[in-house]
Amino acid sequence: MSRQQRQTIKRPPLLWTGIIFALAATLLLVTLANSAVAPWQTNGQLILLVTLLAAFIAGGLTAYYTGQRGGMHAFVGSVISIPLLALFIIPGWWQGAILAGAFCTLGGTLAELAIRSKGVEE
C-alpha cells in the first residue's frame, strides 16, 4: 500500500466511551494496585512497578474495549488521568502519574497492534 493510499483511508472517529473507559480503567487499576502494595512496601521501586503494570493493563483493556484506535483512546484517557492520579491517588508524585499515562498509552498501542495482526492472519 502506497503512502498516498494510506493517507486517503478514513479512520473511525474516537469514541467518548472509549476515552472514558481508558480514564476509569487507569484510575481504578492504579488505585487498586497502590492500595494493595503500599501498606507493606517501604521501597518505592515495587510501588512504581505495580503502578506501571496496572496502567499498562488498563491501556490493553482499552484497546480490546474499543476495537479500533485503542492506542489513541488510551492516550487521551491517560492524559486526562495524569492530574487526577497526581492529585488524589498518588498525591504529589507527578513523575509516577506521567509514567502511568505513558504506560497506559503503550499498553493500548501494543494491544492494538496485536489485534490488527490477529485480524490480518484470519
Protein backbone atom coordinates (compact mmCIF):
# COMPACT_ATOMS: atom_id res chain seq x y z
CA MET A 1 0.00 0.00 0.00
CA SER A 2 1.45 3.33 -1.04
CA ARG A 3 1.73 6.36 1.17
CA GLN A 4 -0.98 8.20 -0.74
CA GLN A 5 -3.40 5.27 -0.34
CA ARG A 6 -2.75 5.18 3.42
CA GLN A 7 -3.48 8.90 3.70
CA THR A 8 -6.83 8.60 1.93
CA ILE A 9 -8.12 5.82 4.21
CA LYS A 10 -10.76 7.19 6.56
CA ARG A 11 -10.14 6.38 10.19
CA PRO A 12 -13.06 5.89 12.53
CA PRO A 13 -13.60 8.75 14.98
CA LEU A 14 -12.57 8.47 18.60
CA LEU A 15 -15.43 7.35 20.82
CA TRP A 16 -16.05 9.24 24.03
CA THR A 17 -16.97 5.93 25.68
CA GLY A 18 -13.51 4.59 24.85
CA ILE A 19 -11.85 7.66 26.34
CA ILE A 20 -13.95 7.42 29.50
CA PHE A 21 -13.14 3.70 29.69
CA ALA A 22 -9.41 4.43 29.49
CA LEU A 23 -9.71 7.11 32.17
CA ALA A 24 -11.76 4.93 34.51
CA ALA A 25 -9.64 1.81 33.96
CA THR A 26 -6.41 3.70 34.61
CA LEU A 27 -7.74 5.31 37.78
CA LEU A 28 -9.29 2.10 39.07
CA LEU A 29 -6.39 -0.25 38.38
CA VAL A 30 -3.71 2.14 39.63
CA THR A 31 -5.73 2.80 42.78
CA LEU A 32 -6.23 -0.91 43.46
CA ALA A 33 -2.58 -1.70 42.77
CA ASN A 34 -1.31 1.07 45.04
CA SER A 35 -3.77 0.16 47.78
CA ALA A 36 -2.64 -3.45 47.65
CA VAL A 37 1.10 -2.79 47.75
CA ALA A 38 1.59 0.47 49.64
CA PRO A 39 0.85 -0.75 53.22
CA TRP A 40 3.53 -3.47 53.07
CA GLN A 41 6.13 -1.83 50.90
CA THR A 42 8.50 0.86 52.09
CA ASN A 43 10.62 0.67 48.94
CA GLY A 44 9.29 2.86 46.13
CA GLN A 45 10.52 0.57 43.37
CA LEU A 46 7.81 -2.04 43.87
CA ILE A 47 5.13 0.65 44.07
CA LEU A 48 6.40 2.11 40.79
CA LEU A 49 6.46 -1.32 39.14
CA VAL A 50 2.92 -2.15 40.24
CA THR A 51 1.67 1.29 39.18
CA LEU A 52 3.16 0.97 35.71
CA LEU A 53 1.91 -2.59 35.28
CA ALA A 54 -1.62 -1.55 36.27
CA ALA A 55 -1.56 1.35 33.79
CA PHE A 56 -0.21 -0.94 31.05
CA ILE A 57 -3.05 -3.39 31.65
CA ALA A 58 -5.58 -0.53 31.58
CA GLY A 59 -4.28 0.52 28.16
CA GLY A 60 -4.55 -3.03 26.84
CA LEU A 61 -8.09 -3.37 28.15
CA THR A 62 -8.97 -0.09 26.46
CA ALA A 63 -7.75 -1.36 23.10
CA TYR A 64 -9.81 -4.52 23.45
CA TYR A 65 -12.84 -2.48 24.54
CA THR A 66 -12.73 -0.04 21.64
CA GLY A 67 -11.63 -2.48 18.94
CA GLN A 68 -10.13 0.25 16.74
CA ARG A 69 -7.71 3.07 17.52
CA GLY A 70 -7.12 1.66 21.00
CA GLY A 71 -3.80 3.45 21.34
CA MET A 72 -5.37 6.85 20.74
CA HIS A 73 -8.23 6.16 23.14
CA ALA A 74 -5.72 5.04 25.77
CA PHE A 75 -3.59 8.13 25.12
CA VAL A 76 -6.40 10.65 25.54
CA GLY A 77 -7.85 8.89 28.57
CA SER A 78 -4.48 8.56 30.26
CA VAL A 79 -3.59 12.21 29.64
CA ILE A 80 -6.82 13.18 31.39
CA SER A 81 -5.97 10.79 34.24
CA ILE A 82 -2.49 12.22 34.94
CA PRO A 83 -3.58 15.20 37.08
CA LEU A 84 -6.21 13.08 38.82
CA LEU A 85 -3.61 10.46 39.69
CA ALA A 86 -1.10 13.03 40.88
CA LEU A 87 -3.61 14.93 42.99
CA PHE A 88 -5.78 12.20 44.50
CA ILE A 89 -4.41 8.67 44.01
CA ILE A 90 -0.67 9.13 44.42
CA PRO A 91 -0.52 12.65 45.90
CA GLY A 92 2.40 14.77 44.81
CA TRP A 93 4.07 12.04 42.74
CA TRP A 94 3.82 13.66 39.32
CA GLN A 95 6.60 11.56 37.79
CA GLY A 96 4.74 8.35 38.61
CA ALA A 97 1.49 9.77 37.25
CA ILE A 98 3.13 10.81 33.97
CA LEU A 99 4.80 7.41 33.65
CA ALA A 100 1.48 5.71 34.33
CA GLY A 101 -0.07 7.73 31.50
CA ALA A 102 2.76 6.76 29.18
CA PHE A 103 2.46 3.08 30.07
CA CYS A 104 -1.30 3.18 29.54
CA THR A 105 -0.68 4.53 26.05
CA LEU A 106 1.99 1.90 25.45
CA GLY A 107 -0.35 -0.89 26.55
CA GLY A 108 -3.12 0.38 24.31
CA THR A 109 -0.82 0.69 21.33
CA LEU A 110 0.70 -2.77 21.73
CA ALA A 111 -2.71 -4.36 22.22
CA GLU A 112 -3.99 -2.54 19.14
CA LEU A 113 -1.07 -3.90 17.11
CA ALA A 114 -1.78 -7.39 18.41
CA ILE A 115 -5.45 -7.06 17.44
CA ARG A 116 -4.51 -5.84 13.97
CA SER A 117 -2.01 -8.61 13.34
CA LYS A 118 -4.54 -11.18 14.54
CA GLY A 119 -7.15 -9.75 12.17
CA VAL A 120 -4.76 -9.87 9.19
CA GLU A 121 -3.98 -13.56 9.72
CA GLU A 122 -7.63 -14.59 9.89
